[in-house]
Amino acid sequence: MSQTVPKWRRRKDDRPAEIISAAIDIFAEKGFAAAKLDDVAKRAGIAKGTLYRYFETKDDMFRAVVQQAIAASLEETETGAAALQGSISDLVHMLLKRAANRMGDRRFPAIARMVIAESRTFPDLAVIWHDQLVSRMLGLVADLIAKAQARGEVKSGDPKLYAFSILGPMVSAVLFAEVLGGTSAELPDIDRLAAQHAETVLHGLLMSPAKRKRTP
């Protein structure tokens, strides 16, 4: 017979996730400098003293936001890439589609813009963003490219530069929409961009069938 977890215990276990969700909203709305722990506590529906039991500083909270709410999606991508036994073409389509889905959450580009705008004043923001998100994503794509080169699917070249070429237009489109969304009529459709860019970049990446290595 299963035991029912008391509501107070469920509430306590859920609090870190609730605080992080509230912190994402506050950071996206106000930026890092203007965000207050009081605002996060109020949005999460808890006392400020309760918040300090989980996060001592605003830096700690931002690190948790990146690790648990943003970079956590990378684990799904990494798992999907490892499980997909297909060509680099399949992988690129999958990666860009997942990126479009993630970037469709308007809080993600808002926080990216916040990091860019405030990283000079708060350099730790850039370090956290780089180590937990950017470096991991570039490393994942570069590793997939290197393996495809070893199989004879992809042309010679620096795998990390190829990774920048694949991911760059998606990041640019999201920041374009975030910065100019209220003034520009040229906002790209992220899903359509992902699909079209996948075809475009693969046209430049892939070796012609006649030049591909034959695998035993």
C-alpha atoms as a PDB file:
ATOM      1  CA  MET A   1       0.000   0.000   0.000  1.00  0.00           C
ATOM      2  CA  SER A   2       1.522   3.316  -1.067  1.00  0.00           C
ATOM      3  CA  GLN A   3       1.846   6.144   1.412  1.00  0.00           C
ATOM      4  CA  THR A   4       0.472   9.569   0.613  1.00  0.00           C
ATOM      5  CA  VAL A   5       3.029  12.361   0.927  1.00  0.00           C
ATOM      6  CA  PRO A   6       1.654  15.119   3.195  1.00  0.00           C
ATOM      7  CA  LYS A   7       0.745  18.333   1.417  1.00  0.00           C
ATOM      8  CA  TRP A   8       3.211  20.324   3.541  1.00  0.00           C
ATOM      9  CA  ARG A   9       6.022  18.016   2.482  1.00  0.00           C
ATOM     10  CA  ARG A  10       5.070  18.263  -1.203  1.00  0.00           C
ATOM     11  CA  ARG A  11       4.969  22.031  -0.867  1.00  0.00           C
ATOM     12  CA  LYS A  12       8.424  22.099   0.733  1.00  0.00           C
ATOM     13  CA  ASP A  13       9.881  19.840  -1.972  1.00  0.00           C
ATOM     14  CA  ASP A  14       8.379  22.033  -4.710  1.00  0.00           C
ATOM     15  CA  ARG A  15       9.709  25.304  -3.325  1.00  0.00           C
ATOM     16  CA  PRO A  16      13.097  25.419  -5.110  1.00  0.00           C
ATOM     17  CA  ALA A  17      11.393  24.924  -8.489  1.00  0.00           C
ATOM     18  CA  GLU A  18       8.768  27.541  -7.620  1.00  0.00           C
ATOM     19  CA  ILE A  19      11.435  30.023  -6.562  1.00  0.00           C
ATOM     20  CA  ILE A  20      13.422  29.424  -9.749  1.00  0.00           C
ATOM     21  CA  SER A  21      10.333  29.896 -11.898  1.00  0.00           C
ATOM     22  CA  ALA A  22       9.570  33.166 -10.109  1.00  0.00           C
ATOM     23  CA  ALA A  23      13.206  34.257 -10.469  1.00  0.00           C
ATOM     24  CA  ILE A  24      13.107  33.658 -14.234  1.00  0.00           C
ATOM     25  CA  ASP A  25      10.072  35.923 -14.504  1.00  0.00           C
ATOM     26  CA  ILE A  26      11.620  38.677 -12.379  1.00  0.00           C
ATOM     27  CA  PHE A  27      15.002  38.560 -14.155  1.00  0.00           C
ATOM     28  CA  ALA A  28      13.262  38.633 -17.548  1.00  0.00           C
ATOM     29  CA  GLU A  29      11.049  41.559 -16.570  1.00  0.00           C
ATOM     30  CA  LYS A  30      13.471  43.722 -14.608  1.00  0.00           C
ATOM     31  CA  GLY A  31      17.009  42.618 -15.443  1.00  0.00           C
ATOM     32  CA  PHE A  32      19.602  41.492 -12.932  1.00  0.00           C
ATOM     33  CA  ALA A  33      20.489  44.833 -11.326  1.00  0.00           C
ATOM     34  CA  ALA A  34      16.888  45.891 -10.697  1.00  0.00           C
ATOM     35  CA  ALA A  35      15.663  42.465  -9.595  1.00  0.00           C
ATOM     36  CA  LYS A  36      15.123  42.199  -5.852  1.00  0.00           C
ATOM     37  CA  LEU A  37      14.955  39.065  -3.742  1.00  0.00           C
ATOM     38  CA  ASP A  38      11.795  40.531  -2.203  1.00  0.00           C
ATOM     39  CA  ASP A  39      10.232  40.546  -5.686  1.00  0.00           C
ATOM     40  CA  VAL A  40      11.147  36.910  -6.235  1.00  0.00           C
ATOM     41  CA  ALA A  41       9.798  35.868  -2.844  1.00  0.00           C
ATOM     42  CA  LYS A  42       6.545  37.706  -3.462  1.00  0.00           C
ATOM     43  CA  ARG A  43       6.152  36.177  -6.935  1.00  0.00           C
ATOM     44  CA  ALA A  44       6.833  32.713  -5.489  1.00  0.00           C
ATOM     45  CA  GLY A  45       4.325  33.295  -2.693  1.00  0.00           C
ATOM     46  CA  ILE A  46       6.809  32.778   0.140  1.00  0.00           C
ATOM     47  CA  ALA A  47       8.439  34.840   2.872  1.00  0.00           C
ATOM     48  CA  LYS A  48      11.830  36.354   2.132  1.00  0.00           C
ATOM     49  CA  GLY A  49      13.299  34.390   5.025  1.00  0.00           C
ATOM     50  CA  THR A  50      12.146  31.173   3.393  1.00  0.00           C
ATOM     51  CA  LEU A  51      13.866  32.157   0.156  1.00  0.00           C
ATOM     52  CA  TYR A  52      17.183  32.572   1.999  1.00  0.00           C
ATOM     53  CA  ARG A  53      17.001  28.954   3.105  1.00  0.00           C
ATOM     54  CA  TYR A  54      17.561  27.970  -0.525  1.00  0.00           C
ATOM     55  CA  PHE A  55      19.529  30.860  -2.046  1.00  0.00           C
ATOM     56  CA  GLU A  56      21.863  33.157  -0.109  1.00  0.00           C
ATOM     57  CA  THR A  57      22.537  35.670  -2.883  1.00  0.00           C
ATOM     58  CA  LYS A  58      21.108  36.848  -6.169  1.00  0.00           C
ATOM     59  CA  ASP A  59      24.124  35.299  -7.933  1.00  0.00           C
ATOM     60  CA  ASP A  60      23.247  31.925  -6.419  1.00  0.00           C
ATOM     61  CA  MET A  61      19.715  32.316  -7.676  1.00  0.00           C
ATOM     62  CA  PHE A  62      20.811  33.211 -11.199  1.00  0.00           C
ATOM     63  CA  ARG A  63      23.163  30.222 -11.245  1.00  0.00           C
ATOM     64  CA  ALA A  64      20.230  27.998 -10.278  1.00  0.00           C
ATOM     65  CA  VAL A  65      18.083  29.571 -12.992  1.00  0.00           C
ATOM     66  CA  VAL A  66      20.654  28.733 -15.656  1.00  0.00           C
ATOM     67  CA  GLN A  67      21.450  25.275 -14.310  1.00  0.00           C
ATOM     68  CA  GLN A  68      17.949  24.028 -13.582  1.00  0.00           C
ATOM     69  CA  ALA A  69      15.632  25.962 -15.857  1.00  0.00           C
ATOM     70  CA  ILE A  70      17.718  26.646 -18.953  1.00  0.00           C
ATOM     71  CA  ALA A  71      20.697  24.319 -19.100  1.00  0.00           C
ATOM     72  CA  ALA A  72      18.494  21.424 -17.988  1.00  0.00           C
ATOM     73  CA  SER A  73      17.030  21.395 -21.489  1.00  0.00           C
ATOM     74  CA  LEU A  74      20.532  20.611 -22.758  1.00  0.00           C
ATOM     75  CA  GLU A  75      20.404  17.279 -20.976  1.00  0.00           C
ATOM     76  CA  GLU A  76      17.392  16.338 -23.105  1.00  0.00           C
ATOM     77  CA  THR A  77      19.239  17.447 -26.229  1.00  0.00           C
ATOM     78  CA  GLU A  78      22.364  15.527 -25.236  1.00  0.00           C
ATOM     79  CA  THR A  79      20.296  12.420 -24.524  1.00  0.00           C
ATOM     80  CA  GLY A  80      18.423  12.782 -27.815  1.00  0.00           C
ATOM     81  CA  ALA A  81      21.637  13.238 -29.776  1.00  0.00           C
ATOM     82  CA  ALA A  82      23.193  10.175 -28.145  1.00  0.00           C
ATOM     83  CA  ALA A  83      20.120   8.052 -28.829  1.00  0.00           C
ATOM     84  CA  LEU A  84      19.623   9.156 -32.432  1.00  0.00           C
ATOM     85  CA  GLN A  85      21.456   6.665 -34.622  1.00  0.00           C
ATOM     86  CA  GLY A  86      21.159   8.661 -37.804  1.00  0.00           C
ATOM     87  CA  SER A  87      23.128  10.867 -40.144  1.00  0.00           C
ATOM     88  CA  ILE A  88      24.396  14.343 -39.344  1.00  0.00           C
ATOM     89  CA  SER A  89      21.434  15.592 -41.364  1.00  0.00           C
ATOM     90  CA  ASP A  90      19.012  14.024 -38.881  1.00  0.00           C
ATOM     91  CA  LEU A  91      21.004  15.416 -35.980  1.00  0.00           C
ATOM     92  CA  VAL A  92      21.096  18.979 -37.307  1.00  0.00           C
ATOM     93  CA  HIS A  93      17.344  18.972 -37.924  1.00  0.00           C
ATOM     94  CA  MET A  94      16.758  17.624 -34.418  1.00  0.00           C
ATOM     95  CA  LEU A  95      19.093  20.114 -32.751  1.00  0.00           C
ATOM     96  CA  LEU A  96      17.655  23.155 -34.507  1.00  0.00           C
ATOM     97  CA  LYS A  97      14.093  22.057 -33.867  1.00  0.00           C
ATOM     98  CA  ARG A  98      14.839  21.650 -30.162  1.00  0.00           C
ATOM     99  CA  ALA A  99      16.565  25.040 -30.133  1.00  0.00           C
ATOM    100  CA  ALA A 100      13.506  26.649 -31.728  1.00  0.00           C
ATOM    101  CA  ASN A 101      11.224  25.031 -29.172  1.00  0.00           C
ATOM    102  CA  ARG A 102      13.366  26.278 -26.315  1.00  0.00           C
ATOM    103  CA  MET A 103      13.725  29.759 -27.721  1.00  0.00           C
ATOM    104  CA  GLY A 104       9.963  29.932 -28.166  1.00  0.00           C
ATOM    105  CA  ASP A 105       9.761  30.543 -24.410  1.00  0.00           C
ATOM    106  CA  ARG A 106       9.924  34.337 -24.351  1.00  0.00           C
ATOM    107  CA  ARG A 107      11.701  34.294 -20.986  1.00  0.00           C
ATOM    108  CA  PHE A 108      14.767  32.653 -22.540  1.00  0.00           C
ATOM    109  CA  PRO A 109      15.612  35.484 -24.969  1.00  0.00           C
ATOM    110  CA  ALA A 110      14.785  38.051 -22.295  1.00  0.00           C
ATOM    111  CA  ILE A 111      17.366  36.535 -19.972  1.00  0.00           C
ATOM    112  CA  ALA A 112      19.887  36.250 -22.825  1.00  0.00           C
ATOM    113  CA  ARG A 113      19.425  39.961 -23.496  1.00  0.00           C
ATOM    114  CA  MET A 114      19.853  40.646 -19.792  1.00  0.00           C
ATOM    115  CA  VAL A 115      23.179  38.784 -19.747  1.00  0.00           C
ATOM    116  CA  ILE A 116      24.436  40.748 -22.752  1.00  0.00           C
ATOM    117  CA  ALA A 117      23.294  44.085 -21.329  1.00  0.00           C
ATOM    118  CA  GLU A 118      24.575  43.604 -17.787  1.00  0.00           C
ATOM    119  CA  SER A 119      27.597  41.326 -18.132  1.00  0.00           C
ATOM    120  CA  ARG A 120      30.079  44.221 -17.982  1.00  0.00           C
ATOM    121  CA  THR A 121      28.673  45.344 -14.660  1.00  0.00           C
ATOM    122  CA  PHE A 122      28.126  41.800 -13.413  1.00  0.00           C
ATOM    123  CA  PRO A 123      30.795  39.661 -15.132  1.00  0.00           C
ATOM    124  CA  ASP A 124      29.754  36.580 -13.162  1.00  0.00           C
ATOM    125  CA  LEU A 125      26.560  36.511 -15.228  1.00  0.00           C
ATOM    126  CA  ALA A 126      28.561  35.917 -18.399  1.00  0.00           C
ATOM    127  CA  VAL A 127      30.706  33.266 -16.697  1.00  0.00           C
ATOM    128  CA  ILE A 128      27.660  31.336 -15.482  1.00  0.00           C
ATOM    129  CA  TRP A 129      25.911  31.653 -18.857  1.00  0.00           C
ATOM    130  CA  HIS A 130      29.020  30.529 -20.711  1.00  0.00           C
ATOM    131  CA  ASP A 131      29.940  27.607 -18.480  1.00  0.00           C
ATOM    132  CA  GLN A 132      26.455  26.198 -17.978  1.00  0.00           C
ATOM    133  CA  LEU A 133      24.943  26.840 -21.403  1.00  0.00           C
ATOM    134  CA  VAL A 134      27.088  28.224 -24.225  1.00  0.00           C
ATOM    135  CA  SER A 135      30.172  26.075 -23.753  1.00  0.00           C
ATOM    136  CA  ARG A 136      28.141  22.892 -23.323  1.00  0.00           C
ATOM    137  CA  MET A 137      26.005  23.547 -26.400  1.00  0.00           C
ATOM    138  CA  LEU A 138      28.937  24.437 -28.632  1.00  0.00           C
ATOM    139  CA  GLY A 139      30.849  21.434 -27.342  1.00  0.00           C
ATOM    140  CA  LEU A 140      27.930  19.111 -28.061  1.00  0.00           C
ATOM    141  CA  VAL A 141      27.511  20.310 -31.650  1.00  0.00           C
ATOM    142  CA  ALA A 142      31.258  20.412 -32.332  1.00  0.00           C
ATOM    143  CA  ASP A 143      31.593  16.830 -31.093  1.00  0.00           C
ATOM    144  CA  LEU A 144      28.769  15.683 -33.392  1.00  0.00           C
ATOM    145  CA  ILE A 145      30.415  17.449 -36.329  1.00  0.00           C
ATOM    146  CA  ALA A 146      33.799  15.862 -35.570  1.00  0.00           C
ATOM    147  CA  LYS A 147      32.223  12.404 -35.475  1.00  0.00           C
ATOM    148  CA  ALA A 148      30.443  13.069 -38.770  1.00  0.00           C
ATOM    149  CA  GLN A 149      33.758  14.164 -40.295  1.00  0.00           C
ATOM    150  CA  ALA A 150      35.325  10.917 -39.116  1.00  0.00           C
ATOM    151  CA  ARG A 151      32.507   9.023 -40.859  1.00  0.00           C
ATOM    152  CA  GLY A 152      33.148  10.987 -44.049  1.00  0.00           C
ATOM    153  CA  GLU A 153      29.804  12.828 -43.995  1.00  0.00           C
ATOM    154  CA  VAL A 154      31.031  16.375 -43.373  1.00  0.00           C
ATOM    155  CA  LYS A 155      33.670  18.436 -45.133  1.00  0.00           C
ATOM    156  CA  SER A 156      36.960  19.213 -43.412  1.00  0.00           C
ATOM    157  CA  GLY A 157      37.040  22.286 -41.207  1.00  0.00           C
ATOM    158  CA  ASP A 158      37.062  23.370 -37.584  1.00  0.00           C
ATOM    159  CA  PRO A 159      34.149  21.580 -35.849  1.00  0.00           C
ATOM    160  CA  LYS A 160      33.681  24.416 -33.353  1.00  0.00           C
ATOM    161  CA  LEU A 161      33.431  27.002 -36.131  1.00  0.00           C
ATOM    162  CA  TYR A 162      30.860  24.783 -37.816  1.00  0.00           C
ATOM    163  CA  ALA A 163      28.985  24.727 -34.502  1.00  0.00           C
ATOM    164  CA  PHE A 164      28.935  28.540 -34.471  1.00  0.00           C
ATOM    165  CA  SER A 165      27.651  28.518 -38.052  1.00  0.00           C
ATOM    166  CA  ILE A 166      24.822  26.162 -37.138  1.00  0.00           C
ATOM    167  CA  LEU A 167      23.686  27.869 -33.940  1.00  0.00           C
ATOM    168  CA  GLY A 168      24.519  31.499 -34.719  1.00  0.00           C
ATOM    169  CA  PRO A 169      21.505  32.402 -36.887  1.00  0.00           C
ATOM    170  CA  MET A 170      19.094  30.970 -34.303  1.00  0.00           C
ATOM    171  CA  VAL A 171      20.627  33.066 -31.522  1.00  0.00           C
ATOM    172  CA  SER A 172      20.668  36.158 -33.743  1.00  0.00           C
ATOM    173  CA  ALA A 173      17.005  35.719 -34.655  1.00  0.00           C
ATOM    174  CA  VAL A 174      15.957  35.389 -31.039  1.00  0.00           C
ATOM    175  CA  LEU A 175      17.906  38.480 -29.970  1.00  0.00           C
ATOM    176  CA  PHE A 176      16.567  40.374 -32.996  1.00  0.00           C
ATOM    177  CA  ALA A 177      13.027  39.587 -31.898  1.00  0.00           C
ATOM    178  CA  GLU A 178      13.769  40.438 -28.264  1.00  0.00           C
ATOM    179  CA  VAL A 179      15.434  43.790 -28.980  1.00  0.00           C
ATOM    180  CA  LEU A 180      13.404  44.964 -31.989  1.00  0.00           C
ATOM    181  CA  GLY A 181      10.182  43.033 -31.541  1.00  0.00           C
ATOM    182  CA  GLY A 182       8.156  46.139 -30.772  1.00  0.00           C
ATOM    183  CA  THR A 183       9.450  48.171 -33.707  1.00  0.00           C
ATOM    184  CA  SER A 184      10.191  45.774 -36.568  1.00  0.00           C
ATOM    185  CA  ALA A 185       7.824  44.033 -38.949  1.00  0.00           C
ATOM    186  CA  GLU A 186      10.602  41.648 -40.039  1.00  0.00           C
ATOM    187  CA  LEU A 187      10.462  39.250 -37.118  1.00  0.00           C
ATOM    188  CA  PRO A 188      11.460  35.745 -38.203  1.00  0.00           C
ATOM    189  CA  ASP A 189       9.315  32.715 -37.491  1.00  0.00           C
ATOM    190  CA  ILE A 190      11.662  30.665 -35.296  1.00  0.00           C
ATOM    191  CA  ASP A 191      10.270  27.276 -36.310  1.00  0.00           C
ATOM    192  CA  ARG A 192      10.434  28.050 -40.036  1.00  0.00           C
ATOM    193  CA  LEU A 193      13.909  29.513 -39.616  1.00  0.00           C
ATOM    194  CA  ALA A 194      15.074  26.321 -37.905  1.00  0.00           C
ATOM    195  CA  ALA A 195      13.760  24.137 -40.726  1.00  0.00           C
ATOM    196  CA  GLN A 196      15.107  26.324 -43.544  1.00  0.00           C
ATOM    197  CA  HIS A 197      18.447  26.968 -41.866  1.00  0.00           C
ATOM    198  CA  ALA A 198      18.938  23.225 -41.349  1.00  0.00           C
ATOM    199  CA  GLU A 199      18.661  22.691 -45.107  1.00  0.00           C
ATOM    200  CA  THR A 200      20.915  25.662 -45.864  1.00  0.00           C
ATOM    201  CA  VAL A 201      23.692  24.721 -43.483  1.00  0.00           C
ATOM    202  CA  LEU A 202      23.616  21.068 -44.475  1.00  0.00           C
ATOM    203  CA  HIS A 203      24.062  22.064 -48.113  1.00  0.00           C
ATOM    204  CA  GLY A 204      27.373  23.618 -47.119  1.00  0.00           C
ATOM    205  CA  LEU A 205      28.435  20.955 -44.613  1.00  0.00           C
ATOM    206  CA  LEU A 206      27.816  17.671 -46.346  1.00  0.00           C
ATOM    207  CA  MET A 207      30.274  15.934 -48.583  1.00  0.00           C
ATOM    208  CA  SER A 208      28.926  14.945 -51.970  1.00  0.00           C
ATOM    209  CA  PRO A 209      27.875  11.267 -52.088  1.00  0.00           C
ATOM    210  CA  ALA A 210      30.685  10.474 -54.498  1.00  0.00           C
ATOM    211  CA  LYS A 211      33.309  11.781 -52.061  1.00  0.00           C
ATOM    212  CA  ARG A 212      32.022  10.188 -48.889  1.00  0.00           C
ATOM    213  CA  LYS A 213      34.069   7.449 -47.308  1.00  0.00           C
ATOM    214  CA  ARG A 214      32.749   3.985 -47.740  1.00  0.00           C
ATOM    215  CA  THR A 215      32.145   2.334 -44.413  1.00  0.00           C
ATOM    216  CA  PRO A 216      32.544  -1.442 -44.103  1.00  0.00           C
END
